C-alpha atoms as a PDB file:
ATOM      1  CA  MET A   1      15.791   6.746 -15.362  1.00  0.00           C
ATOM      2  CA  ASP A   2      13.096   4.151 -14.576  1.00  0.00           C
ATOM      3  CA  ARG A   3      12.450   1.259 -16.920  1.00  0.00           C
ATOM      4  CA  ARG A   4       9.407   2.813 -18.563  1.00  0.00           C
ATOM      5  CA  ARG A   5      11.339   5.984 -19.271  1.00  0.00           C
ATOM      6  CA  GLY A   6      14.218   3.807 -20.492  1.00  0.00           C
ATOM      7  CA  ALA A   7      11.956   2.055 -22.963  1.00  0.00           C
ATOM      8  CA  LEU A   8      10.664   5.407 -24.212  1.00  0.00           C
ATOM      9  CA  ALA A   9      14.216   6.690 -24.540  1.00  0.00           C
ATOM     10  CA  LEU A  10      15.194   3.599 -26.493  1.00  0.00           C
ATOM     11  CA  THR A  11      12.195   3.965 -28.770  1.00  0.00           C
ATOM     12  CA  THR A  12      13.131   7.585 -29.432  1.00  0.00           C
ATOM     13  CA  LEU A  13      16.789   6.744 -29.909  1.00  0.00           C
ATOM     14  CA  LEU A  14      16.149   3.874 -32.295  1.00  0.00           C
ATOM     15  CA  LEU A  15      13.673   5.332 -34.743  1.00  0.00           C
ATOM     16  CA  LEU A  16      16.105   4.202 -37.374  1.00  0.00           C
ATOM     17  CA  SER A  17      15.475   4.703 -41.050  1.00  0.00           C
ATOM     18  CA  GLY A  18      12.676   2.236 -41.741  1.00  0.00           C
ATOM     19  CA  CYS A  19      12.975   0.725 -38.275  1.00  0.00           C
ATOM     20  CA  SER A  20      10.196   2.199 -36.159  1.00  0.00           C
ATOM     21  CA  PHE A  21       9.185  -0.529 -33.727  1.00  0.00           C
ATOM     22  CA  LEU A  22       5.961   1.087 -32.629  1.00  0.00           C
ATOM     23  CA  GLY A  23       4.593   1.895 -36.061  1.00  0.00           C
ATOM     24  CA  ALA A  24       1.971   0.173 -38.179  1.00  0.00           C
ATOM     25  CA  SER A  25       4.197  -2.773 -39.060  1.00  0.00           C
ATOM     26  CA  PRO A  26       4.963  -4.543 -35.766  1.00  0.00           C
ATOM     27  CA  LEU A  27       7.892  -6.877 -35.565  1.00  0.00           C
ATOM     28  CA  GLY A  28       8.401  -9.986 -33.558  1.00  0.00           C
ATOM     29  CA  SER A  29       9.844 -10.847 -30.242  1.00  0.00           C
ATOM     30  CA  SER A  30      12.696 -13.181 -29.523  1.00  0.00           C
ATOM     31  CA  GLY A  31      12.007 -12.740 -25.858  1.00  0.00           C
ATOM     32  CA  GLY A  32       9.938 -10.823 -23.342  1.00  0.00           C
ATOM     33  CA  THR A  33       6.519 -11.482 -21.926  1.00  0.00           C
ATOM     34  CA  GLY A  34       3.656 -13.199 -23.605  1.00  0.00           C
ATOM     35  CA  THR A  35       5.025 -13.508 -27.132  1.00  0.00           C
ATOM     36  CA  HIS A  36       4.284 -16.766 -28.948  1.00  0.00           C
ATOM     37  CA  THR A  37       6.325 -17.827 -31.955  1.00  0.00           C
ATOM     38  CA  PRO A  38       4.414 -20.522 -33.854  1.00  0.00           C
ATOM     39  CA  ALA A  39       7.414 -22.032 -35.649  1.00  0.00           C
ATOM     40  CA  THR A  40       7.449 -25.757 -34.953  1.00  0.00           C
ATOM     41  CA  THR A  41      11.180 -26.230 -35.374  1.00  0.00           C
ATOM     42  CA  THR A  42      14.038 -24.973 -33.220  1.00  0.00           C
ATOM     43  CA  THR A  43      17.130 -25.608 -35.325  1.00  0.00           C
ATOM     44  CA  HIS A  44      19.022 -22.345 -35.758  1.00  0.00           C
ATOM     45  CA  THR A  45      21.448 -21.351 -38.452  1.00  0.00           C
ATOM     46  CA  PRO A  46      24.882 -22.167 -36.972  1.00  0.00           C
ATOM     47  CA  THR A  47      26.958 -19.226 -35.866  1.00  0.00           C
ATOM     48  CA  PRO A  48      30.185 -19.196 -37.874  1.00  0.00           C
ATOM     49  CA  THR A  49      32.882 -19.715 -35.245  1.00  0.00           C
ATOM     50  CA  ALA A  50      35.450 -21.666 -37.225  1.00  0.00           C
ATOM     51  CA  THR A  51      38.904 -20.231 -37.756  1.00  0.00           C
ATOM     52  CA  ALA A  52      38.721 -17.428 -40.296  1.00  0.00           C
ATOM     53  CA  THR A  53      41.179 -16.768 -43.084  1.00  0.00           C
ATOM     54  CA  ALA A  54      41.717 -13.778 -45.323  1.00  0.00           C
ATOM     55  CA  THR A  55      39.507 -14.307 -48.321  1.00  0.00           C
ATOM     56  CA  SER A  56      40.442 -14.764 -51.936  1.00  0.00           C
ATOM     57  CA  ALA A  57      37.186 -16.648 -52.620  1.00  0.00           C
ATOM     58  CA  GLN A  58      34.339 -15.144 -54.602  1.00  0.00           C
ATOM     59  CA  LEU A  59      32.336 -12.789 -52.432  1.00  0.00           C
ATOM     60  CA  PRO A  60      28.532 -12.678 -52.514  1.00  0.00           C
ATOM     61  CA  GLU A  61      26.795 -10.520 -55.093  1.00  0.00           C
ATOM     62  CA  GLY A  62      27.048  -6.843 -54.273  1.00  0.00           C
ATOM     63  CA  TYR A  63      30.033  -7.217 -51.933  1.00  0.00           C
ATOM     64  CA  ALA A  64      33.674  -6.168 -52.107  1.00  0.00           C
ATOM     65  CA  PRO A  65      36.509  -6.981 -49.663  1.00  0.00           C
ATOM     66  CA  SER A  66      35.668  -3.854 -47.620  1.00  0.00           C
ATOM     67  CA  GLY A  67      31.897  -4.320 -47.570  1.00  0.00           C
ATOM     68  CA  VAL A  68      29.004  -3.595 -49.893  1.00  0.00           C
ATOM     69  CA  ASP A  69      29.804  -2.000 -53.236  1.00  0.00           C
ATOM     70  CA  ASN A  70      26.288  -2.313 -54.711  1.00  0.00           C
ATOM     71  CA  LEU A  71      23.573  -1.889 -52.098  1.00  0.00           C
ATOM     72  CA  SER A  72      20.572  -2.804 -54.222  1.00  0.00           C
ATOM     73  CA  VAL A  73      22.268  -5.984 -55.451  1.00  0.00           C
ATOM     74  CA  ALA A  74      23.342  -6.980 -51.920  1.00  0.00           C
ATOM     75  CA  LEU A  75      19.865  -6.414 -50.456  1.00  0.00           C
ATOM     76  CA  GLY A  76      18.270  -8.210 -53.394  1.00  0.00           C
ATOM     77  CA  ALA A  77      20.573 -11.193 -52.914  1.00  0.00           C
ATOM     78  CA  HIS A  78      19.698 -11.299 -49.198  1.00  0.00           C
ATOM     79  CA  GLN A  79      15.979 -11.323 -49.907  1.00  0.00           C
ATOM     80  CA  SER A  80      16.234 -13.817 -52.757  1.00  0.00           C
ATOM     81  CA  ALA A  81      18.358 -16.238 -50.732  1.00  0.00           C
ATOM     82  CA  LEU A  82      15.814 -16.276 -47.906  1.00  0.00           C
ATOM     83  CA  VAL A  83      12.733 -16.510 -50.099  1.00  0.00           C
ATOM     84  CA  ASP A  84      14.332 -19.214 -52.271  1.00  0.00           C
ATOM     85  CA  SER A  85      15.099 -21.257 -49.144  1.00  0.00           C
ATOM     86  CA  GLY A  86      11.337 -21.589 -48.637  1.00  0.00           C
ATOM     87  CA  SER A  87      11.195 -20.390 -45.040  1.00  0.00           C
ATOM     88  CA  PHE A  88      13.198 -18.414 -42.519  1.00  0.00           C
ATOM     89  CA  THR A  89      13.201 -16.710 -39.127  1.00  0.00           C
ATOM     90  CA  ILE A  90      14.983 -13.455 -38.275  1.00  0.00           C
ATOM     91  CA  SER A  91      15.349 -11.834 -34.862  1.00  0.00           C
ATOM     92  CA  TYR A  92      16.149  -8.271 -33.871  1.00  0.00           C
ATOM     93  CA  ARG A  93      17.076  -6.957 -30.435  1.00  0.00           C
ATOM     94  CA  ALA A  94      17.943  -3.398 -29.496  1.00  0.00           C
ATOM     95  CA  THR A  95      19.065  -2.754 -25.935  1.00  0.00           C
ATOM     96  CA  LEU A  96      19.669   0.476 -24.048  1.00  0.00           C
ATOM     97  CA  LEU A  97      21.936   0.299 -20.991  1.00  0.00           C
ATOM     98  CA  THR A  98      22.000   3.160 -18.497  1.00  0.00           C
ATOM     99  CA  GLY A  99      23.089   3.579 -14.916  1.00  0.00           C
ATOM    100  CA  GLU A 100      19.507   2.795 -13.919  1.00  0.00           C
ATOM    101  CA  GLY A 101      19.175  -0.508 -15.763  1.00  0.00           C
ATOM    102  CA  ARG A 102      18.352  -2.121 -19.085  1.00  0.00           C
ATOM    103  CA  SER A 103      15.523  -1.561 -21.575  1.00  0.00           C
ATOM    104  CA  SER A 104      15.025  -3.442 -24.810  1.00  0.00           C
ATOM    105  CA  ILE A 105      12.944  -3.936 -27.909  1.00  0.00           C
ATOM    106  CA  ALA A 106      12.912  -7.564 -29.056  1.00  0.00           C
ATOM    107  CA  SER A 107      11.417  -8.831 -32.269  1.00  0.00           C
ATOM    108  CA  VAL A 108      11.071 -11.768 -34.629  1.00  0.00           C
ATOM    109  CA  ARG A 109       9.826 -12.365 -38.152  1.00  0.00           C
ATOM    110  CA  SER A 110       9.066 -15.770 -39.632  1.00  0.00           C
ATOM    111  CA  ALA A 111       7.830 -16.710 -43.082  1.00  0.00           C
ATOM    112  CA  ASN A 112       6.951 -19.925 -44.882  1.00  0.00           C
ATOM    113  CA  VAL A 113       6.633 -19.303 -48.599  1.00  0.00           C
ATOM    114  CA  THR A 114       4.861 -22.572 -49.460  1.00  0.00           C
ATOM    115  CA  GLN A 115       2.274 -22.073 -46.726  1.00  0.00           C
ATOM    116  CA  ALA A 116       1.984 -18.359 -47.634  1.00  0.00           C
ATOM    117  CA  ARG A 117       2.141 -17.629 -43.921  1.00  0.00           C
ATOM    118  CA  GLY A 118       3.975 -14.986 -41.966  1.00  0.00           C
ATOM    119  CA  TYR A 119       4.403 -14.100 -38.320  1.00  0.00           C
ATOM    120  CA  GLU A 120       5.585 -10.857 -36.766  1.00  0.00           C
ATOM    121  CA  ALA A 121       5.707  -9.634 -33.194  1.00  0.00           C
ATOM    122  CA  THR A 122       7.300  -6.988 -31.050  1.00  0.00           C
ATOM    123  CA  ASN A 123       7.866  -6.633 -27.341  1.00  0.00           C
ATOM    124  CA  VAL A 124       9.049  -3.514 -25.527  1.00  0.00           C
ATOM    125  CA  THR A 125      10.305  -3.627 -21.946  1.00  0.00           C
ATOM    126  CA  ASN A 126       7.331  -2.722 -19.738  1.00  0.00           C
ATOM    127  CA  GLY A 127       5.403  -1.869 -22.875  1.00  0.00           C
ATOM    128  CA  ALA A 128       2.996  -3.407 -25.339  1.00  0.00           C
ATOM    129  CA  THR A 129       3.384  -6.783 -26.988  1.00  0.00           C
ATOM    130  CA  ARG A 130       1.907  -7.089 -30.468  1.00  0.00           C
ATOM    131  CA  GLU A 131       1.729 -10.126 -32.738  1.00  0.00           C
ATOM    132  CA  THR A 132       0.544 -10.492 -36.311  1.00  0.00           C
ATOM    133  CA  PHE A 133      -0.202 -13.792 -38.015  1.00  0.00           C
ATOM    134  CA  LEU A 134      -0.928 -13.800 -41.757  1.00  0.00           C
ATOM    135  CA  THR A 135      -2.597 -16.817 -43.324  1.00  0.00           C
ATOM    136  CA  ASP A 136      -4.971 -17.312 -46.283  1.00  0.00           C
ATOM    137  CA  GLY A 137      -4.739 -13.613 -47.119  1.00  0.00           C
ATOM    138  CA  THR A 138      -5.963 -12.470 -43.694  1.00  0.00           C
ATOM    139  CA  ALA A 139      -3.814 -10.773 -41.054  1.00  0.00           C
ATOM    140  CA  TYR A 140      -4.807 -11.282 -37.418  1.00  0.00           C
ATOM    141  CA  VAL A 141      -3.287  -8.916 -34.851  1.00  0.00           C
ATOM    142  CA  ARG A 142      -3.114  -9.512 -31.117  1.00  0.00           C
ATOM    143  CA  THR A 143      -2.155  -6.514 -28.984  1.00  0.00           C
ATOM    144  CA  ASN A 144      -1.398  -6.820 -25.284  1.00  0.00           C
ATOM    145  CA  PRO A 145      -0.906  -3.274 -23.980  1.00  0.00           C
ATOM    146  CA  ALA A 146       0.954  -2.619 -20.757  1.00  0.00           C
ATOM    147  CA  GLY A 147      -1.634  -2.473 -18.002  1.00  0.00           C
ATOM    148  CA  GLY A 148      -4.546  -3.010 -20.386  1.00  0.00           C
ATOM    149  CA  ALA A 149      -6.722  -5.756 -21.821  1.00  0.00           C
ATOM    150  CA  VAL A 150      -5.748  -7.825 -24.842  1.00  0.00           C
ATOM    151  CA  TYR A 151      -7.565  -6.896 -28.037  1.00  0.00           C
ATOM    152  CA  TYR A 152      -7.625  -8.149 -31.635  1.00  0.00           C
ATOM    153  CA  ASN A 153      -7.849  -6.745 -35.151  1.00  0.00           C
ATOM    154  CA  ARG A 154      -8.302  -8.380 -38.518  1.00  0.00           C
ATOM    155  CA  THR A 155      -7.428  -7.238 -42.052  1.00  0.00           C
ATOM    156  CA  SER A 156      -8.652  -9.206 -45.074  1.00  0.00           C
ATOM    157  CA  ASN A 157      -7.366  -9.422 -48.657  1.00  0.00           C
ATOM    158  CA  VAL A 158      -3.745  -8.934 -47.614  1.00  0.00           C
ATOM    159  CA  THR A 159      -1.219  -9.665 -50.367  1.00  0.00           C
ATOM    160  CA  TYR A 160       1.400 -12.114 -49.148  1.00  0.00           C
ATOM    161  CA  ASP A 161       4.940 -10.957 -49.917  1.00  0.00           C
ATOM    162  CA  PRO A 162       7.626 -13.041 -48.167  1.00  0.00           C
ATOM    163  CA  ARG A 163      10.233 -10.351 -48.841  1.00  0.00           C
ATOM    164  CA  ARG A 164       8.704  -8.087 -46.204  1.00  0.00           C
ATOM    165  CA  TYR A 165       9.772 -10.611 -43.559  1.00  0.00           C
ATOM    166  CA  THR A 166      13.434 -10.511 -44.592  1.00  0.00           C
ATOM    167  CA  ALA A 167      14.206  -7.472 -42.376  1.00  0.00           C
ATOM    168  CA  ALA A 168      15.998  -5.747 -45.232  1.00  0.00           C
ATOM    169  CA  GLU A 169      15.305  -2.352 -43.673  1.00  0.00           C
ATOM    170  CA  PHE A 170      17.085  -3.459 -40.495  1.00  0.00           C
ATOM    171  CA  VAL A 171      20.253  -4.697 -42.145  1.00  0.00           C
ATOM    172  CA  ARG A 172      20.396  -1.886 -44.697  1.00  0.00           C
ATOM    173  CA  PRO A 173      22.034   0.821 -42.500  1.00  0.00           C
ATOM    174  CA  ALA A 174      24.944  -1.465 -41.637  1.00  0.00           C
ATOM    175  CA  LEU A 175      25.427  -2.352 -45.306  1.00  0.00           C
ATOM    176  CA  GLU A 176      25.016   1.152 -46.675  1.00  0.00           C
ATOM    177  CA  ASN A 177      26.863   3.329 -44.174  1.00  0.00           C
ATOM    178  CA  VAL A 178      29.747   1.248 -42.811  1.00  0.00           C
ATOM    179  CA  THR A 179      33.100   0.493 -44.406  1.00  0.00           C
ATOM    180  CA  TYR A 180      34.695  -2.719 -43.196  1.00  0.00           C
ATOM    181  CA  LYS A 181      38.129  -4.228 -43.019  1.00  0.00           C
ATOM    182  CA  ASN A 182      39.016  -6.961 -45.486  1.00  0.00           C
ATOM    183  CA  ALA A 183      36.565  -9.844 -45.306  1.00  0.00           C
ATOM    184  CA  GLU A 184      37.522 -13.079 -43.576  1.00  0.00           C
ATOM    185  CA  ARG A 185      36.317 -16.353 -45.082  1.00  0.00           C
ATOM    186  CA  ILE A 186      34.801 -18.927 -42.731  1.00  0.00           C
ATOM    187  CA  GLU A 187      34.025 -22.521 -43.693  1.00  0.00           C
ATOM    188  CA  ARG A 188      31.515 -24.333 -41.510  1.00  0.00           C
ATOM    189  CA  ARG A 189      29.296 -27.341 -42.132  1.00  0.00           C
ATOM    190  CA  ASN A 190      29.806 -27.232 -45.880  1.00  0.00           C
ATOM    191  CA  ARG A 191      28.861 -23.572 -46.076  1.00  0.00           C
ATOM    192  CA  THR A 192      30.996 -20.513 -46.737  1.00  0.00           C
ATOM    193  CA  PHE A 193      30.577 -17.285 -44.772  1.00  0.00           C
ATOM    194  CA  PHE A 194      32.343 -13.944 -44.882  1.00  0.00           C
ATOM    195  CA  ARG A 195      32.909 -11.899 -41.744  1.00  0.00           C
ATOM    196  CA  TYR A 196      33.468  -8.155 -41.826  1.00  0.00           C
ATOM    197  CA  ARG A 197      34.632  -5.915 -38.971  1.00  0.00           C
ATOM    198  CA  VAL A 198      34.121  -2.165 -38.930  1.00  0.00           C
ATOM    199  CA  SER A 199      36.770   0.156 -40.312  1.00  0.00           C
ATOM    200  CA  GLU A 200      34.838   3.415 -40.754  1.00  0.00           C
ATOM    201  CA  VAL A 201      31.277   4.666 -40.266  1.00  0.00           C
ATOM    202  CA  ARG A 202      29.928   7.125 -42.807  1.00  0.00           C
ATOM    203  CA  SER A 203      26.673   7.932 -41.005  1.00  0.00           C
ATOM    204  CA  LEU A 204      26.232   7.213 -37.312  1.00  0.00           C
ATOM    205  CA  GLN A 205      22.756   8.737 -37.397  1.00  0.00           C
ATOM    206  CA  SER A 206      21.545   6.172 -39.918  1.00  0.00           C
ATOM    207  CA  LEU A 207      22.391   3.498 -37.355  1.00  0.00           C
ATOM    208  CA  LEU A 208      21.545   5.276 -34.101  1.00  0.00           C
ATOM    209  CA  GLY A 209      18.778   7.663 -35.118  1.00  0.00           C
ATOM    210  CA  GLU A 210      18.498  11.279 -36.202  1.00  0.00           C
ATOM    211  CA  GLY A 211      18.227  12.413 -32.587  1.00  0.00           C
ATOM    212  CA  VAL A 212      21.800  11.379 -31.841  1.00  0.00           C
ATOM    213  CA  ASN A 213      24.561  13.931 -32.286  1.00  0.00           C
ATOM    214  CA  PRO A 214      27.563  12.066 -33.759  1.00  0.00           C
ATOM    215  CA  GLU A 215      29.845  14.241 -31.614  1.00  0.00           C
ATOM    216  CA  ASN A 216      28.317  12.605 -28.530  1.00  0.00           C
ATOM    217  CA  VAL A 217      29.185   9.086 -29.701  1.00  0.00           C
ATOM    218  CA  THR A 218      32.386   8.198 -27.869  1.00  0.00           C
ATOM    219  CA  SER A 219      32.789   4.644 -29.186  1.00  0.00           C
ATOM    220  CA  PHE A 220      31.344   2.453 -31.925  1.00  0.00           C
ATOM    221  CA  ASP A 221      31.933  -1.130 -33.006  1.00  0.00           C
ATOM    222  CA  ALA A 222      30.227  -3.244 -35.660  1.00  0.00           C
ATOM    223  CA  ALA A 223      30.495  -6.596 -37.405  1.00  0.00           C
ATOM    224  CA  LEU A 224      28.687  -8.310 -40.254  1.00  0.00           C
ATOM    225  CA  VAL A 225      28.467 -11.951 -41.347  1.00  0.00           C
ATOM    226  CA  VAL A 226      27.099 -12.803 -44.788  1.00  0.00           C
ATOM    227  CA  ALA A 227      26.823 -16.225 -46.423  1.00  0.00           C
ATOM    228  CA  ALA A 228      28.037 -17.039 -49.901  1.00  0.00           C
ATOM    229  CA  ASP A 229      24.411 -17.037 -51.112  1.00  0.00           C
ATOM    230  CA  GLY A 230      24.102 -13.393 -50.051  1.00  0.00           C
ATOM    231  CA  SER A 231      21.928 -13.969 -46.992  1.00  0.00           C
ATOM    232  CA  VAL A 232      22.935 -11.693 -44.123  1.00  0.00           C
ATOM    233  CA  GLN A 233      23.438 -14.040 -41.208  1.00  0.00           C
ATOM    234  CA  ARG A 234      24.253 -11.503 -38.518  1.00  0.00           C
ATOM    235  CA  VAL A 235      24.635  -7.789 -37.990  1.00  0.00           C
ATOM    236  CA  GLY A 236      25.756  -6.409 -34.652  1.00  0.00           C
ATOM    237  CA  TYR A 237      26.809  -2.992 -33.465  1.00  0.00           C
ATOM    238  CA  GLN A 238      27.323  -1.156 -30.195  1.00  0.00           C
ATOM    239  CA  ALA A 239      27.729   2.522 -29.400  1.00  0.00           C
ATOM    240  CA  THR A 240      28.422   4.578 -26.312  1.00  0.00           C
ATOM    241  CA  VAL A 241      26.539   7.874 -26.327  1.00  0.00           C
ATOM    242  CA  GLU A 242      26.910  10.794 -23.935  1.00  0.00           C
ATOM    243  CA  ARG A 243      23.737  12.720 -23.071  1.00  0.00           C
ATOM    244  CA  GLY A 244      24.495  15.452 -20.579  1.00  0.00           C
ATOM    245  CA  ALA A 245      25.916  13.833 -17.458  1.00  0.00           C
ATOM    246  CA  GLU A 246      24.560  10.424 -18.488  1.00  0.00           C
ATOM    247  CA  GLU A 247      26.297   7.759 -20.574  1.00  0.00           C
ATOM    248  CA  LEU A 248      24.155   5.397 -22.636  1.00  0.00           C
ATOM    249  CA  VAL A 249      25.199   2.165 -24.296  1.00  0.00           C
ATOM    250  CA  VAL A 250      23.159   1.077 -27.308  1.00  0.00           C
ATOM    251  CA  GLN A 251      23.436  -2.505 -28.542  1.00  0.00           C
ATOM    252  CA  VAL A 252      21.737  -3.773 -31.712  1.00  0.00           C
ATOM    253  CA  ARG A 253      21.829  -7.293 -33.062  1.00  0.00           C
ATOM    254  CA  ILE A 254      20.069  -8.894 -36.026  1.00  0.00           C
ATOM    255  CA  ASP A 255      20.340 -12.673 -36.469  1.00  0.00           C
ATOM    256  CA  LEU A 256      19.131 -15.033 -39.167  1.00  0.00           C
ATOM    257  CA  LEU A 257      18.032 -17.761 -36.772  1.00  0.00           C
ATOM    258  CA  GLN A 258      16.885 -20.291 -39.344  1.00  0.00           C
ATOM    259  CA  GLN A 259      17.040 -20.600 -43.111  1.00  0.00           C
ATOM    260  CA  GLY A 260      14.760 -23.347 -44.388  1.00  0.00           C
ATOM    261  CA  GLY A 261      12.742 -25.865 -42.415  1.00  0.00           C
ATOM    262  CA  VAL A 262      10.480 -23.382 -40.619  1.00  0.00           C
ATOM    263  CA  VAL A 263       6.904 -24.648 -40.359  1.00  0.00           C
ATOM    264  CA  LEU A 264       4.520 -21.972 -39.107  1.00  0.00           C
ATOM    265  CA  GLY A 265       1.753 -23.416 -37.005  1.00  0.00           C
ATOM    266  CA  GLU A 266      -1.235 -21.385 -35.906  1.00  0.00           C
ATOM    267  CA  PRO A 267      -0.661 -19.406 -32.700  1.00  0.00           C
ATOM    268  CA  ALA A 268      -2.718 -20.429 -29.688  1.00  0.00           C
ATOM    269  CA  TRP A 269      -4.654 -17.149 -29.753  1.00  0.00           C
ATOM    270  CA  LEU A 270      -5.849 -17.422 -33.375  1.00  0.00           C
ATOM    271  CA  GLY A 271      -9.234 -18.944 -32.512  1.00  0.00           C
ATOM    272  CA  GLU A 272     -10.008 -16.124 -30.097  1.00  0.00           C
ATOM    273  CA  ALA A 273      -8.886 -13.572 -32.691  1.00  0.00           C
ATOM    274  CA  ARG A 274     -11.282 -15.044 -35.270  1.00  0.00           C
ATOM    275  CA  GLN A 275     -14.195 -14.938 -32.847  1.00  0.00           C
ATOM    276  CA  SER A 276     -13.382 -11.417 -31.659  1.00  0.00           C
ATOM    277  CA  THR A 277     -13.062  -9.851 -35.096  1.00  0.00           C
END
C-alpha cells in the first residue's frame, strides 16, 4: 500500500460519526506541510503525569467512577469549560500504520471568544491542506491541494459560535461507547484531573468507522483524562484491525493543548485571501 492509498484507506476507515475530515467543515493541523497556526502563544495544558490515586473526590458533571453516566451533561460541561476560559486550542491526529508505512490526518482548532475569532485546518498525508480563519463574521478558506495550485474562498455573515471549535464530536464516541475502570485522581499544578482506562467497549464501529467489522479488531486500548471543570484534556485509543492478509494499526489522539491565553493573530495568507475573493 503506497502512501496515497494509505491516506485514502485512513480516510475511509475514520469516517467516524461526525468526524469526516474531508467534508465541508475542515479541521486543523498539528503538523504536516504548509499549515499555519496563528496562535501567538505556545504554552500547552500540562499533561497530568503525577502519581494517581483512586478517587473519592467529586467527579466532573456527567461522570461516574466508570466513565460518563450523562452524555449530554458531560459534553455540555466540556464545551462550557472551554468557552468560559476565553480561548483554547485542540488537536486531533489519526494515524494508520501498515506494513508499507504510515499515513495520518492531523488537525487543530483554535478559538478566542473575546476576539470572536476561530481557526481550523486539516492536513492529510500526501493530500490537501485546508485552513479556515474566521474573523469579523467572515470565513476565509485557503486550500492547498496535492499537486495543484492554492486557491481561496470567502463566506460572509458567518455566525460565530465558539462551541463548534470544542471538538465535541471527536470526543463523543469515547465518552458514549466506552466503559472505563474506576477513575484515578491526579493533582497537578493546583488542578485536579481524573484519568480513566478502558474496561469495555460497547461500539467499536462508533470509534473506528462503520466499515470496520468488530470481529476483525484483534486488540483495543483507550484512555481518557478529564479535568475537574469537565474539560476533556485527552482522549487516546488504538486498535489492531485485520483486513485479509494485512494487519492495520489505527491510533487516534485528541489533546486539549491550551485552555486560556490563546491570542489568534491573522495568518500570513489572509491578505492574499482578501484580494483573491
